[in-house]
Amino acid sequence: MIKSIIAGVGGYLPEKILTNFDLEKMVETSDEWIRERTGIQSRHIASDEQTTSSLAVLAAKEALKNAKISGDEIDLIILATTTPDDTTPATAMRVQAELGAINAFAFDVQAACSGFMYALSVADKFIKTKSVKTALVIGAETLSRIVDWKDRNTCVLFGDGAGAVIVKGEEETEENKDTGIINIILHSDGRLRDLLTTTGGVSRTQTAGFVHMEGREVFRHAVTNLSNVAQELIDTSNIKLSDVDYLVPHQANLRIIEGTAKKLDIPMEKVIVTLPEQGNTSAASIPLALYEGVKSQKLKKGDLILLDAMGAGFTWAGALIRL
């Protein structure tokens, strides 16, 4: 029996930092207003020369280094993004070329803030069916390109960045039977798509559009969906919530994170939070939080980790992973 193991993690954040005080000069807002409602203090913004693929490549290189493998050992690249470099080809193609991953096939997935979880699920299936041995899964975004910097309700929320993981297939043994990807659950409800969307799109308006969000409704659905999918994971995986060492949630809003943790009775000391310095990086959010957790040595080999995310669509997802 083949199982999927997380063999390496990586992340990259652009050098430019936009603080709440910087935003005070751009739009009618304040540091206090932003922090009280979101928990965000600053976010990273891509330079004019940077694209989603260039951020993804830097995160991927870090993950490859962490896993001690080279680009030509990758069989599959899946890049989750809402902000592709081009309409076509897939942004993953640029990443493949830059990494010299000549033996891989590559494609993008789009599930908004749940994108990384959807991509991880696809990679897990390819590995467990023995179609590939090694996959590179990336979440990367340049959300600053689709933010209306005059809309104080949305422009304060988002940042740019990329996170990546190397997923390898291993024969299950007595030594590794409790490690790797244990379970992933995906959900969506297209009836709620207009609550979090963009004002444009290639086919509909021939533009990228700007992010539009009905904040209160999104908040209400987020806490419910995130806690429900986490409980669903627990119920179907033959473990207890008390067995979970860390919660690694999508970093959208500190109150959503705290509300979800409270519903699950998980103390905030067991939650990885990167939101204050990074903002909402959509599909990059969870892999960046994983990277930060590993880099800071909070997350250690053998830890049982619960991941969950919700994004536009609505899409939402959860995963249980033991490092």
Protein backbone atom coordinates (compact mmCIF):
# COMPACT_ATOMS: atom_id res chain seq x y z
CA MET A 1 0.00 0.00 0.00
CA ILE A 2 1.37 3.42 -1.02
CA LYS A 3 0.90 6.47 1.17
CA SER A 4 1.66 10.17 0.67
CA ILE A 5 4.38 11.67 2.86
CA ILE A 6 5.19 15.36 3.26
CA ALA A 7 8.90 15.33 2.42
CA GLY A 8 9.64 19.06 2.34
CA VAL A 9 8.10 22.50 2.77
CA GLY A 10 8.99 25.92 1.41
CA GLY A 11 7.73 29.47 1.33
CA TYR A 12 8.45 32.90 -0.06
CA LEU A 13 7.17 36.37 0.79
CA PRO A 14 8.00 39.47 -1.30
CA GLU A 15 10.37 41.98 0.29
CA LYS A 16 7.97 44.93 0.13
CA ILE A 17 5.86 45.26 3.29
CA LEU A 18 2.67 47.35 3.37
CA THR A 19 1.66 48.24 6.92
CA ASN A 20 -1.70 49.44 8.21
CA PHE A 21 -0.11 52.86 8.69
CA ASP A 22 0.82 52.89 5.00
CA LEU A 23 -2.80 52.09 4.15
CA GLU A 24 -3.97 55.05 6.25
CA LYS A 25 -2.34 57.27 3.59
CA MET A 26 -4.06 55.44 0.72
CA VAL A 27 -7.66 54.91 1.88
CA GLU A 28 -9.99 56.00 4.67
CA THR A 29 -9.00 53.52 7.37
CA SER A 30 -6.84 53.21 10.49
CA ASP A 31 -4.45 50.74 12.03
CA GLU A 32 -6.82 50.31 14.97
CA TRP A 33 -9.85 49.65 12.72
CA ILE A 34 -7.98 47.02 10.68
CA ARG A 35 -6.45 45.23 13.68
CA GLU A 36 -9.72 45.12 15.64
CA ARG A 37 -11.72 43.66 12.75
CA THR A 38 -9.14 41.39 11.14
CA GLY A 39 -6.05 40.95 13.30
CA ILE A 40 -3.86 42.06 10.37
CA GLN A 41 -0.99 44.51 10.93
CA SER A 42 0.91 44.26 7.63
CA ARG A 43 1.11 42.31 4.39
CA HIS A 44 3.73 41.59 1.70
CA ILE A 45 3.29 43.03 -1.80
CA ALA A 46 4.94 41.74 -4.98
CA SER A 47 7.19 44.15 -6.88
CA ASP A 48 6.26 45.24 -10.39
CA GLU A 49 8.74 42.70 -11.78
CA GLN A 50 7.35 39.79 -9.78
CA THR A 51 4.55 37.49 -10.93
CA THR A 52 2.69 34.61 -9.35
CA SER A 53 5.06 32.16 -11.06
CA SER A 54 8.18 33.92 -9.82
CA LEU A 55 6.92 33.75 -6.23
CA ALA A 56 5.97 30.09 -6.77
CA VAL A 57 9.42 29.22 -8.10
CA LEU A 58 11.16 30.68 -5.04
CA ALA A 59 8.85 28.78 -2.66
CA ALA A 60 9.32 25.58 -4.68
CA LYS A 61 13.11 25.89 -4.60
CA GLU A 62 12.98 26.12 -0.81
CA ALA A 63 10.75 23.03 -0.64
CA LEU A 64 13.09 21.10 -2.96
CA LYS A 65 16.05 22.09 -0.79
CA ASN A 66 14.16 21.02 2.32
CA ALA A 67 13.32 17.65 0.75
CA LYS A 68 16.88 17.23 -0.58
CA ILE A 69 15.76 16.55 -4.16
CA SER A 70 16.24 18.26 -7.54
CA GLY A 71 13.71 19.50 -10.08
CA ASP A 72 14.19 16.55 -12.43
CA GLU A 73 12.97 14.19 -9.67
CA ILE A 74 9.49 15.74 -9.74
CA ASP A 75 6.78 13.80 -11.58
CA LEU A 76 3.88 16.21 -11.07
CA ILE A 77 3.44 19.95 -10.41
CA ILE A 78 0.09 21.32 -9.28
CA LEU A 79 -0.17 25.06 -8.70
CA ALA A 80 -3.21 26.49 -6.91
CA THR A 81 -3.87 30.14 -7.70
CA THR A 82 -6.59 32.71 -8.32
CA THR A 83 -4.09 35.08 -9.92
CA PRO A 84 -2.38 33.24 -12.82
CA ASP A 85 0.36 34.91 -14.85
CA ASP A 86 -1.60 34.45 -18.07
CA THR A 87 -5.00 33.24 -19.21
CA THR A 88 -3.06 30.43 -20.88
CA PRO A 89 -0.85 28.49 -20.53
CA ALA A 90 -1.11 27.36 -16.92
CA THR A 91 1.20 29.19 -14.53
CA ALA A 92 2.52 25.78 -13.44
CA MET A 93 4.16 25.54 -16.89
CA ARG A 94 6.39 28.51 -16.13
CA VAL A 95 7.29 26.98 -12.77
CA GLN A 96 8.15 23.67 -14.47
CA ALA A 97 10.49 25.41 -16.91
CA GLU A 98 12.23 27.47 -14.21
CA LEU A 99 12.83 24.42 -12.02
CA GLY A 100 14.08 22.22 -14.84
CA ALA A 101 11.38 19.70 -13.95
CA ILE A 102 11.63 18.04 -17.36
CA ASN A 103 10.09 14.75 -16.19
CA ALA A 104 6.96 16.30 -14.68
CA PHE A 105 3.53 17.14 -16.04
CA ALA A 106 2.03 20.35 -14.70
CA PHE A 107 -1.31 22.13 -14.35
CA ASP A 108 -3.16 24.74 -12.28
CA VAL A 109 -6.21 24.38 -10.05
CA GLN A 110 -8.56 27.17 -8.98
CA ALA A 111 -10.52 26.84 -5.75
CA ALA A 112 -9.72 30.27 -4.29
CA CYS A 113 -8.52 30.12 -0.67
CA SER A 114 -9.12 26.35 -0.57
CA GLY A 115 -6.98 25.89 -3.68
CA PHE A 116 -3.94 24.41 -1.95
CA MET A 117 -6.13 21.83 -0.20
CA TYR A 118 -7.76 20.84 -3.49
CA ALA A 119 -4.32 20.58 -5.14
CA LEU A 120 -2.97 18.50 -2.25
CA SER A 121 -5.93 16.15 -2.57
CA VAL A 122 -5.29 15.66 -6.30
CA ALA A 123 -1.60 14.97 -5.69
CA ASP A 124 -2.48 12.47 -2.96
CA LYS A 125 -4.74 10.57 -5.37
CA PHE A 126 -2.07 10.46 -8.11
CA ILE A 127 0.45 9.10 -5.61
CA LYS A 128 -1.86 6.52 -4.02
CA THR A 129 -2.80 5.16 -7.45
CA LYS A 130 0.94 4.86 -8.23
CA SER A 131 0.63 7.24 -11.19
CA VAL A 132 3.46 9.40 -9.80
CA LYS A 133 6.10 9.05 -7.09
CA THR A 134 6.91 12.68 -6.28
CA ALA A 135 4.65 15.74 -6.52
CA LEU A 136 5.25 19.43 -6.00
CA VAL A 137 2.14 21.19 -4.70
CA ILE A 138 2.16 25.00 -4.61
CA GLY A 139 -0.19 27.74 -3.49
CA ALA A 140 0.84 31.12 -4.93
CA GLU A 141 -0.89 34.48 -5.27
CA THR A 142 -0.37 38.08 -6.31
CA LEU A 143 -3.69 39.25 -4.90
CA SER A 144 -2.49 42.86 -4.91
CA ARG A 145 -3.22 42.78 -8.66
CA ILE A 146 -6.96 42.17 -8.15
CA VAL A 147 -7.50 44.39 -5.10
CA ASP A 148 -9.30 47.71 -5.46
CA TRP A 149 -7.06 49.96 -3.38
CA LYS A 150 -9.94 52.42 -2.96
CA ASP A 151 -12.17 49.83 -1.28
CA ARG A 152 -11.28 49.91 2.42
CA ASN A 153 -13.38 46.81 3.15
CA THR A 154 -11.22 44.53 0.99
CA CYS A 155 -7.86 46.17 0.26
CA VAL A 156 -6.77 45.85 3.89
CA LEU A 157 -7.19 42.07 3.87
CA PHE A 158 -4.94 40.63 1.20
CA GLY A 159 -1.24 40.03 0.60
CA ASP A 160 1.06 38.26 -1.84
CA GLY A 161 3.17 35.15 -1.32
CA ALA A 162 3.75 31.50 -2.13
CA GLY A 163 4.09 28.25 -0.22
CA ALA A 164 4.98 24.77 -1.44
CA VAL A 165 5.25 21.17 -0.29
CA ILE A 166 6.94 18.10 -1.73
CA VAL A 167 4.72 15.03 -1.48
CA LYS A 168 6.35 11.62 -1.98
CA GLY A 169 4.88 8.16 -2.25
CA GLU A 170 6.21 5.55 0.20
CA GLU A 171 5.36 1.92 0.74
CA GLU A 172 3.49 1.65 4.03
CA THR A 173 5.49 -0.08 6.75
CA GLU A 174 5.14 -0.58 10.48
CA GLU A 175 7.51 2.36 11.03
CA ASN A 176 5.64 4.89 8.86
CA LYS A 177 2.04 3.67 9.08
CA ASP A 178 0.94 6.66 11.19
CA THR A 179 2.66 9.34 9.09
CA GLY A 180 1.74 11.29 5.96
CA ILE A 181 -1.63 12.37 4.60
CA ILE A 182 -4.32 10.60 6.60
CA ASN A 183 -7.48 12.11 5.16
CA ILE A 184 -8.63 15.05 3.00
CA ILE A 185 -12.25 16.19 2.64
CA LEU A 186 -13.42 18.71 0.02
CA HIS A 187 -16.72 20.62 -0.21
CA SER A 188 -18.24 23.37 -2.33
CA ASP A 189 -21.53 25.24 -2.72
CA GLY A 190 -21.83 27.32 -5.90
CA ARG A 191 -25.15 28.81 -4.76
CA LEU A 192 -23.13 31.15 -2.52
CA ARG A 193 -20.63 32.25 -5.16
CA ASP A 194 -21.73 35.91 -5.20
CA LEU A 195 -20.84 36.42 -1.53
CA LEU A 196 -17.12 36.34 -2.37
CA THR A 197 -16.23 36.96 -5.98
CA THR A 198 -14.50 39.29 -8.42
CA THR A 199 -16.22 42.00 -10.42
CA GLY A 200 -14.85 40.63 -13.68
CA GLY A 201 -13.60 37.61 -15.59
CA VAL A 202 -12.21 36.66 -18.98
CA SER A 203 -15.44 35.33 -20.48
CA ARG A 204 -17.86 37.62 -18.67
CA THR A 205 -16.19 41.06 -18.83
CA GLN A 206 -12.82 40.49 -20.55
CA THR A 207 -11.13 41.86 -17.40
CA ALA A 208 -9.71 40.36 -14.21
CA GLY A 209 -11.98 42.51 -12.03
CA PHE A 210 -11.56 43.32 -8.34
CA VAL A 211 -12.32 41.29 -5.23
CA HIS A 212 -15.83 41.84 -3.83
CA MET A 213 -16.96 40.38 -0.54
CA GLU A 214 -20.04 40.37 1.67
CA GLY A 215 -18.01 40.31 4.86
CA ARG A 216 -20.63 39.41 7.48
CA GLU A 217 -22.07 36.56 5.45
CA VAL A 218 -18.63 35.18 4.63
CA PHE A 219 -17.68 35.30 8.32
CA ARG A 220 -20.82 33.43 9.36
CA HIS A 221 -20.36 30.65 6.82
CA ALA A 222 -16.61 30.43 7.44
CA VAL A 223 -16.76 29.56 11.15
CA THR A 224 -19.54 27.02 10.57
CA ASN A 225 -17.95 25.34 7.53
CA LEU A 226 -14.43 25.24 8.94
CA SER A 227 -15.48 23.72 12.25
CA ASN A 228 -17.85 21.27 10.52
CA VAL A 229 -15.23 19.95 8.09
CA ALA A 230 -12.75 19.59 10.95
CA GLN A 231 -15.26 17.55 12.94
CA GLU A 232 -16.03 15.51 9.82
CA LEU A 233 -12.34 14.69 9.49
CA ILE A 234 -12.15 13.58 13.10
CA ASP A 235 -15.28 11.46 12.84
CA THR A 236 -14.08 9.64 9.71
CA SER A 237 -10.42 9.18 10.70
CA ASN A 238 -10.73 7.19 13.93
CA ILE A 239 -9.01 9.83 16.06
CA LYS A 240 -10.01 12.35 18.73
CA LEU A 241 -9.69 16.12 18.57
CA SER A 242 -7.49 15.88 21.65
CA ASP A 243 -5.02 13.88 19.50
CA VAL A 244 -4.42 16.90 17.25
CA ASP A 245 -1.13 18.65 18.03
CA TYR A 246 -1.73 21.75 15.89
CA LEU A 247 -4.43 23.43 13.86
CA VAL A 248 -3.12 25.12 10.70
CA PRO A 249 -6.05 27.15 9.36
CA HIS A 250 -6.46 29.40 6.36
CA GLN A 251 -5.31 32.85 7.43
CA ALA A 252 -8.26 35.08 6.51
CA ASN A 253 -9.37 36.81 9.70
CA LEU A 254 -8.20 36.37 13.28
CA ARG A 255 -11.77 36.31 14.58
CA ILE A 256 -12.61 33.45 12.17
CA ILE A 257 -9.52 31.54 13.34
CA GLU A 258 -10.38 32.13 17.00
CA GLY A 259 -14.05 31.24 16.43
CA THR A 260 -13.15 27.99 14.70
CA ALA A 261 -10.62 27.03 17.40
CA LYS A 262 -13.20 27.76 20.11
CA LYS A 263 -15.84 25.60 18.41
CA LEU A 264 -13.33 22.76 18.19
CA ASP A 265 -12.10 23.35 21.75
CA ILE A 266 -8.53 23.77 20.49
CA PRO A 267 -6.50 26.31 22.53
CA MET A 268 -4.90 29.13 20.52
CA GLU A 269 -1.46 27.95 21.68
CA LYS A 270 -2.03 24.97 19.37
CA VAL A 271 -2.94 27.13 16.35
CA ILE A 272 -0.38 28.34 13.79
CA VAL A 273 -1.14 32.02 13.08
CA THR A 274 0.74 34.02 10.43
CA LEU A 275 -2.09 36.43 9.62
CA PRO A 276 -0.82 39.56 11.48
CA GLU A 277 2.32 39.85 9.29
CA GLN A 278 1.03 38.30 6.05
CA GLY A 279 -2.67 39.07 5.67
CA ASN A 280 -4.82 36.74 3.58
CA THR A 281 -2.67 35.16 0.86
CA SER A 282 -5.51 32.90 -0.38
CA ALA A 283 -4.15 29.62 -1.81
CA ALA A 284 -0.68 30.41 -0.42
CA SER A 285 -1.97 30.82 3.13
CA ILE A 286 -1.85 27.23 4.43
CA PRO A 287 1.48 26.17 2.87
CA LEU A 288 3.04 29.41 4.13
CA ALA A 289 1.70 28.67 7.63
CA LEU A 290 3.06 25.11 7.40
CA TYR A 291 6.44 26.50 6.33
CA GLU A 292 6.47 28.99 9.18
CA GLY A 293 5.49 26.28 11.66
CA VAL A 294 8.31 23.98 10.53
CA LYS A 295 10.87 26.79 10.29
CA SER A 296 10.08 28.01 13.81
CA GLN A 297 10.22 24.39 15.05
CA LYS A 298 6.70 24.57 16.43
CA LEU A 299 5.74 21.77 14.06
CA LYS A 300 7.89 18.69 14.55
CA LYS A 301 8.19 15.23 13.05
CA GLY A 302 5.37 13.06 14.38
CA ASP A 303 2.95 15.94 15.01
CA LEU A 304 -0.67 15.40 13.98
CA ILE A 305 -1.84 18.50 12.11
CA LEU A 306 -5.34 19.55 11.12
CA LEU A 307 -5.55 21.87 8.11
CA ASP A 308 -8.70 23.70 7.08
CA ALA A 309 -9.62 26.40 4.60
CA MET A 310 -12.60 28.17 3.07
CA GLY A 311 -12.72 30.38 0.01
CA ALA A 312 -14.78 31.85 -2.78
CA GLY A 313 -17.18 29.52 -4.47
CA PHE A 314 -17.85 28.72 -1.66
CA THR A 315 -15.20 26.04 -1.38
CA TRP A 316 -14.01 24.56 1.90
CA ALA A 317 -11.74 21.70 2.82
CA GLY A 318 -9.95 19.95 5.65
CA ALA A 319 -6.99 17.60 5.95
CA LEU A 320 -5.29 15.52 8.59
CA ILE A 321 -1.53 15.08 8.20
CA ARG A 322 1.11 13.57 10.43
CA LEU A 323 4.56 14.96 9.73
